[in-house]
């Protein structure tokens, strides 16, 4: 058997995309296997007119995009590849890439054959050729699930349970994207470290995802005080003020009553709901999330 059946292709492990409800903001999330290739793409793709920001989060590269189509003025070495199109449809998102030389390989076959792509159109690439691809991805939305207070002084750990539940509920409609541990104010009734967890998904079946996660959380939690909160929206910034309050001091369950964001729900309203809600705005903001503000 040939150990290198396709020696000039590196297929991305997964690509996903999500939008806000209006389809005016979108995020492209590319899971990568080759770090060098991903960093090269970030460096050059950030110059594309449609790209508002490009950041690396764990093993993913994430591009905030404006919808539209543009002509890329590519130039070898200086701007050899980029994103030239981003279109939001009722059930799909179309992304178009273009590149030169090796950048054309990455912009075509490497992405066109990635898991998560429902259909594609791509050029022959390699050598010094100009090549690109259009890929179509399921249109999804961001779902953030916060969890707190699942353990006891004798057993358990919230961060491990949350990750394992997220893996267990992942399916073709709901992709598990990220996991963030959030340090909270060390209240007197904490188990030990006083941290909560938020898991991020890109989903086209929010109700099914939340129901599966809740069912497993209720089955495996060790605490009678477990809290679960869900944010179904593109940007949880409205919860940021509450999140910082929970990091800087003790807040009560009654303080949650002041939050009227329609994108927030609390399926499990145990005492841990405070930490569950507080974790949500810190998703992928790891340095801030882990900051200990007191104690």
Protein backbone atom coordinates (compact mmCIF):
# COMPACT_ATOMS: atom_id res chain seq x y z
CA UNK A 1 0.00 0.00 0.00
CA UNK A 2 1.27 3.45 -0.91
CA UNK A 3 1.77 5.39 2.35
CA UNK A 4 1.28 8.66 0.43
CA UNK A 5 -1.64 8.09 -1.89
CA UNK A 6 -2.03 11.85 -2.40
CA UNK A 7 1.28 13.46 -1.37
CA UNK A 8 0.37 17.01 -2.42
CA UNK A 9 -2.98 17.33 -0.63
CA UNK A 10 -3.67 18.05 3.04
CA UNK A 11 -7.38 17.76 3.66
CA UNK A 12 -8.80 19.96 6.40
CA UNK A 13 -10.29 17.76 9.18
CA UNK A 14 -13.52 19.79 9.27
CA UNK A 15 -14.96 23.12 8.14
CA UNK A 16 -18.07 24.75 9.60
CA UNK A 17 -19.78 28.11 9.29
CA UNK A 18 -22.38 29.97 11.29
CA UNK A 19 -24.30 33.22 11.01
CA UNK A 20 -26.52 35.50 13.01
CA UNK A 21 -30.25 35.20 12.41
CA UNK A 22 -30.30 37.96 9.79
CA UNK A 23 -27.37 36.52 7.86
CA UNK A 24 -25.43 39.78 8.05
CA UNK A 25 -22.58 38.41 10.17
CA UNK A 26 -20.86 35.10 9.67
CA UNK A 27 -17.95 33.11 11.03
CA UNK A 28 -15.96 30.53 9.08
CA UNK A 29 -14.35 27.90 11.33
CA UNK A 30 -11.61 25.73 9.81
CA UNK A 31 -10.21 22.85 11.85
CA UNK A 32 -6.62 22.25 10.77
CA UNK A 33 -4.11 19.43 10.89
CA UNK A 34 -1.09 21.27 9.43
CA UNK A 35 -0.17 24.17 11.73
CA UNK A 36 2.15 25.79 9.20
CA UNK A 37 -0.50 25.83 6.51
CA UNK A 38 -3.10 27.27 8.86
CA UNK A 39 -0.79 30.06 10.03
CA UNK A 40 0.17 30.85 6.44
CA UNK A 41 -3.50 31.11 5.52
CA UNK A 42 -4.28 33.33 8.50
CA UNK A 43 -1.43 35.68 7.57
CA UNK A 44 -2.55 36.11 3.97
CA UNK A 45 -6.32 35.61 4.17
CA UNK A 46 -6.57 38.42 6.71
CA UNK A 47 -5.85 40.81 3.83
CA UNK A 48 -8.98 39.75 1.97
CA UNK A 49 -11.52 42.62 1.88
CA UNK A 50 -14.30 40.34 3.19
CA UNK A 51 -12.30 39.25 6.25
CA UNK A 52 -12.97 41.38 9.33
CA UNK A 53 -10.70 39.35 11.61
CA UNK A 54 -8.73 36.11 11.64
CA UNK A 55 -7.74 34.35 14.85
CA UNK A 56 -6.41 31.00 15.91
CA UNK A 57 -8.37 29.19 18.63
CA UNK A 58 -6.83 25.84 19.58
CA UNK A 59 -6.84 23.67 16.47
CA UNK A 60 -9.19 25.98 14.58
CA UNK A 61 -8.72 29.10 12.48
CA UNK A 62 -11.71 31.42 12.69
CA UNK A 63 -12.58 34.12 10.17
CA UNK A 64 -15.25 36.76 10.77
CA UNK A 65 -16.60 37.58 7.33
CA UNK A 66 -18.76 40.18 5.64
CA UNK A 67 -21.11 38.71 3.01
CA UNK A 68 -20.26 39.57 -0.57
CA UNK A 69 -18.04 38.87 -3.56
CA UNK A 70 -14.80 40.66 -4.41
CA UNK A 71 -12.01 40.50 -6.95
CA UNK A 72 -8.71 39.65 -5.31
CA UNK A 73 -5.61 41.38 -6.66
CA UNK A 74 -3.32 38.45 -5.93
CA UNK A 75 0.44 38.84 -6.02
CA UNK A 76 3.03 36.12 -5.49
CA UNK A 77 4.60 36.21 -2.01
CA UNK A 78 2.82 39.46 -1.05
CA UNK A 79 -0.83 38.38 -1.32
CA UNK A 80 -0.92 34.92 -2.88
CA UNK A 81 -4.30 33.68 -1.60
CA UNK A 82 -7.53 34.80 0.02
CA UNK A 83 -11.29 34.55 0.40
CA UNK A 84 -13.14 36.11 -2.51
CA UNK A 85 -16.74 35.23 -1.71
CA UNK A 86 -19.06 34.64 1.24
CA UNK A 87 -22.76 34.16 0.59
CA UNK A 88 -25.55 33.34 3.03
CA UNK A 89 -28.51 31.38 1.71
CA UNK A 90 -31.56 30.00 3.47
CA UNK A 91 -29.95 26.69 4.42
CA UNK A 92 -26.37 26.98 3.18
CA UNK A 93 -23.30 29.19 3.28
CA UNK A 94 -21.05 29.42 0.24
CA UNK A 95 -17.36 30.29 0.65
CA UNK A 96 -15.06 30.95 -2.32
CA UNK A 97 -11.27 30.81 -2.10
CA UNK A 98 -8.55 31.71 -4.62
CA UNK A 99 -4.80 31.22 -4.55
CA UNK A 100 -1.60 31.03 -6.55
CA UNK A 101 0.87 28.13 -6.60
CA UNK A 102 0.87 26.28 -3.30
CA UNK A 103 -1.70 28.77 -2.08
CA UNK A 104 -3.94 27.56 -4.88
CA UNK A 105 -3.65 23.98 -3.61
CA UNK A 106 -4.83 25.10 -0.19
CA UNK A 107 -7.58 27.22 -1.74
CA UNK A 108 -8.91 24.36 -3.84
CA UNK A 109 -8.63 20.63 -3.19
CA UNK A 110 -7.49 20.89 0.46
CA UNK A 111 -10.70 22.63 1.47
CA UNK A 112 -13.08 21.21 -1.12
CA UNK A 113 -12.70 17.67 0.24
CA UNK A 114 -13.01 18.59 3.92
CA UNK A 115 -15.64 16.93 6.14
CA UNK A 116 -18.52 19.32 6.66
CA UNK A 117 -18.58 20.41 3.01
CA UNK A 118 -21.88 19.34 1.44
CA UNK A 119 -20.86 20.13 -2.15
CA UNK A 120 -18.00 21.85 -3.91
CA UNK A 121 -16.53 23.14 -7.14
CA UNK A 122 -12.76 23.40 -7.50
CA UNK A 123 -9.98 23.93 -10.04
CA UNK A 124 -7.00 21.76 -10.83
CA UNK A 125 -4.09 23.08 -8.82
CA UNK A 126 -0.36 22.69 -8.27
CA UNK A 127 2.83 24.14 -9.65
CA UNK A 128 2.42 27.82 -10.43
CA UNK A 129 -1.24 27.69 -11.39
CA UNK A 130 -4.01 29.98 -10.20
CA UNK A 131 -6.70 27.84 -8.57
CA UNK A 132 -9.66 28.15 -6.29
CA UNK A 133 -12.79 26.51 -4.98
CA UNK A 134 -16.32 27.24 -3.92
CA UNK A 135 -17.61 25.15 -1.05
CA UNK A 136 -21.10 24.93 0.40
CA UNK A 137 -21.60 24.36 4.11
CA UNK A 138 -24.77 23.87 6.17
CA UNK A 139 -25.96 27.16 7.62
CA UNK A 140 -25.69 26.91 11.40
CA UNK A 141 -25.95 29.21 14.40
CA UNK A 142 -23.83 29.54 17.51
CA UNK A 143 -25.06 27.77 20.65
CA UNK A 144 -23.22 28.24 23.94
CA UNK A 145 -23.98 25.88 26.82
CA UNK A 146 -22.76 26.88 30.26
CA UNK A 147 -22.50 24.31 33.07
CA UNK A 148 -21.64 24.61 36.75
CA UNK A 149 -21.86 22.67 40.00
CA UNK A 150 -21.83 19.04 38.85
CA UNK A 151 -19.33 17.65 41.35
CA UNK A 152 -19.11 17.04 45.09
CA UNK A 153 -16.19 17.19 47.55
CA UNK A 154 -15.84 13.43 47.08
CA UNK A 155 -16.02 13.02 43.28
CA UNK A 156 -16.44 14.59 39.86
CA UNK A 157 -15.17 17.55 37.86
CA UNK A 158 -17.38 19.92 35.89
CA UNK A 159 -14.91 20.65 33.09
CA UNK A 160 -14.38 16.96 32.23
CA UNK A 161 -18.09 16.13 32.35
CA UNK A 162 -18.97 19.11 30.13
CA UNK A 163 -16.41 18.08 27.50
CA UNK A 164 -17.51 14.46 27.47
CA UNK A 165 -21.17 15.45 27.20
CA UNK A 166 -20.36 17.80 24.33
CA UNK A 167 -18.60 14.99 22.49
CA UNK A 168 -21.49 12.63 23.18
CA UNK A 169 -24.21 14.94 21.80
CA UNK A 170 -22.30 16.02 18.69
CA UNK A 171 -23.87 14.89 15.41
CA UNK A 172 -24.15 16.03 11.77
CA UNK A 173 -26.48 18.88 12.73
CA UNK A 174 -24.51 20.08 15.77
CA UNK A 175 -20.73 20.35 15.71
CA UNK A 176 -18.75 20.76 18.95
CA UNK A 177 -16.43 23.72 18.41
CA UNK A 178 -14.78 24.82 21.67
CA UNK A 179 -14.52 24.32 25.44
CA UNK A 180 -13.59 27.07 27.91
CA UNK A 181 -12.98 26.83 31.65
CA UNK A 182 -13.96 30.01 33.51
CA UNK A 183 -12.55 30.97 36.89
CA UNK A 184 -15.22 32.51 39.14
CA UNK A 185 -15.00 34.30 42.47
CA UNK A 186 -14.11 31.64 45.08
CA UNK A 187 -17.33 31.59 47.09
CA UNK A 188 -17.43 29.81 50.43
CA UNK A 189 -19.67 26.96 49.20
CA UNK A 190 -17.42 26.02 46.26
CA UNK A 191 -16.18 22.46 45.85
CA UNK A 192 -12.54 23.57 45.56
CA UNK A 193 -11.45 25.74 42.58
CA UNK A 194 -14.76 27.45 41.75
CA UNK A 195 -14.72 27.20 37.97
CA UNK A 196 -17.54 26.78 35.49
CA UNK A 197 -17.45 25.66 31.84
CA UNK A 198 -18.92 26.81 28.54
CA UNK A 199 -19.09 24.58 25.46
CA UNK A 200 -19.61 26.09 22.00
CA UNK A 201 -21.51 24.43 19.15
CA UNK A 202 -22.40 25.30 15.57
CA UNK A 203 -25.88 23.88 15.16
CA UNK A 204 -28.84 23.65 12.80
CA UNK A 205 -30.87 21.68 15.38
CA UNK A 206 -30.72 23.75 18.53
CA UNK A 207 -33.69 22.20 20.30
CA UNK A 208 -32.41 18.68 19.73
CA UNK A 209 -28.92 19.60 20.86
CA UNK A 210 -30.10 21.24 24.08
CA UNK A 211 -32.47 18.40 24.90
CA UNK A 212 -29.75 15.76 24.46
CA UNK A 213 -27.23 17.72 26.50
CA UNK A 214 -29.71 18.33 29.34
CA UNK A 215 -30.77 14.68 29.46
CA UNK A 216 -27.18 13.47 29.81
CA UNK A 217 -26.28 16.21 32.29
CA UNK A 218 -29.17 15.22 34.52
CA UNK A 219 -28.09 11.58 34.26
CA UNK A 220 -24.42 12.04 35.10
CA UNK A 221 -24.24 15.01 37.44
CA UNK A 222 -23.31 14.22 41.04
CA UNK A 223 -24.74 17.39 42.55
CA UNK A 224 -28.30 18.45 43.38
CA UNK A 225 -27.31 22.06 42.62
CA UNK A 226 -26.38 21.70 38.93
CA UNK A 227 -27.04 24.65 36.66
CA UNK A 228 -27.21 24.67 32.85
CA UNK A 229 -27.61 27.81 30.75
CA UNK A 230 -27.98 28.15 26.97
CA UNK A 231 -27.23 31.17 24.79
CA UNK A 232 -28.57 30.90 21.24
CA UNK A 233 -27.02 33.86 19.48
CA UNK A 234 -24.03 35.06 17.46
CA UNK A 235 -22.49 37.28 20.14
CA UNK A 236 -23.06 36.91 23.92
CA UNK A 237 -21.59 40.33 24.76
CA UNK A 238 -24.82 41.35 26.57
CA UNK A 239 -23.87 38.85 29.31
CA UNK A 240 -20.35 40.20 29.77
CA UNK A 241 -21.16 42.58 32.63
CA UNK A 242 -22.77 39.76 34.62
CA UNK A 243 -19.83 37.47 33.86
CA UNK A 244 -17.32 39.93 35.28
CA UNK A 245 -19.47 40.46 38.36
CA UNK A 246 -19.36 36.71 39.04
CA UNK A 247 -15.58 36.75 38.64
CA UNK A 248 -15.06 39.72 40.95
CA UNK A 249 -17.46 38.85 43.76
CA UNK A 250 -20.30 36.67 44.92
CA UNK A 251 -23.59 37.18 43.09
CA UNK A 252 -26.93 35.68 44.00
CA UNK A 253 -29.47 33.73 42.02
CA UNK A 254 -31.71 36.77 42.31
CA UNK A 255 -29.17 38.82 40.37
CA UNK A 256 -29.99 36.72 37.32
CA UNK A 257 -33.49 38.20 37.26
CA UNK A 258 -32.03 41.42 35.89
CA UNK A 259 -30.97 39.67 32.68
CA UNK A 260 -33.74 39.89 30.09
CA UNK A 261 -31.80 38.76 27.01
CA UNK A 262 -34.22 36.68 24.88
CA UNK A 263 -31.34 34.54 23.61
CA UNK A 264 -30.64 33.21 27.11
CA UNK A 265 -32.45 30.28 28.72
CA UNK A 266 -31.78 28.24 31.86
CA UNK A 267 -32.93 24.61 31.38
CA UNK A 268 -31.50 23.49 34.74
CA UNK A 269 -32.08 26.17 37.40
CA UNK A 270 -30.01 24.81 40.28
CA UNK A 271 -27.65 27.03 42.27
CA UNK A 272 -25.01 26.45 39.61
CA UNK A 273 -27.02 28.47 37.10
CA UNK A 274 -25.15 31.59 38.25
CA UNK A 275 -21.79 30.18 37.20
CA UNK A 276 -23.31 28.61 34.08
CA UNK A 277 -24.56 31.98 32.83
CA UNK A 278 -21.38 33.78 33.90
CA UNK A 279 -19.23 31.42 31.84
CA UNK A 280 -21.00 32.06 28.54
CA UNK A 281 -19.52 35.46 27.53
CA UNK A 282 -15.98 34.17 28.06
CA UNK A 283 -16.13 31.44 25.40
CA UNK A 284 -12.70 31.20 23.65
CA UNK A 285 -11.45 34.19 25.68
CA UNK A 286 -9.11 31.93 27.60
CA UNK A 287 -6.82 34.44 29.33
CA UNK A 288 -9.72 36.50 30.64
CA UNK A 289 -11.69 33.38 31.47
CA UNK A 290 -8.92 32.00 33.68
CA UNK A 291 -8.14 35.29 35.42
CA UNK A 292 -8.59 35.08 39.19
CA UNK A 293 -9.92 38.43 40.33
CA UNK A 294 -10.00 37.78 44.08
CA UNK A 295 -9.17 35.18 46.70
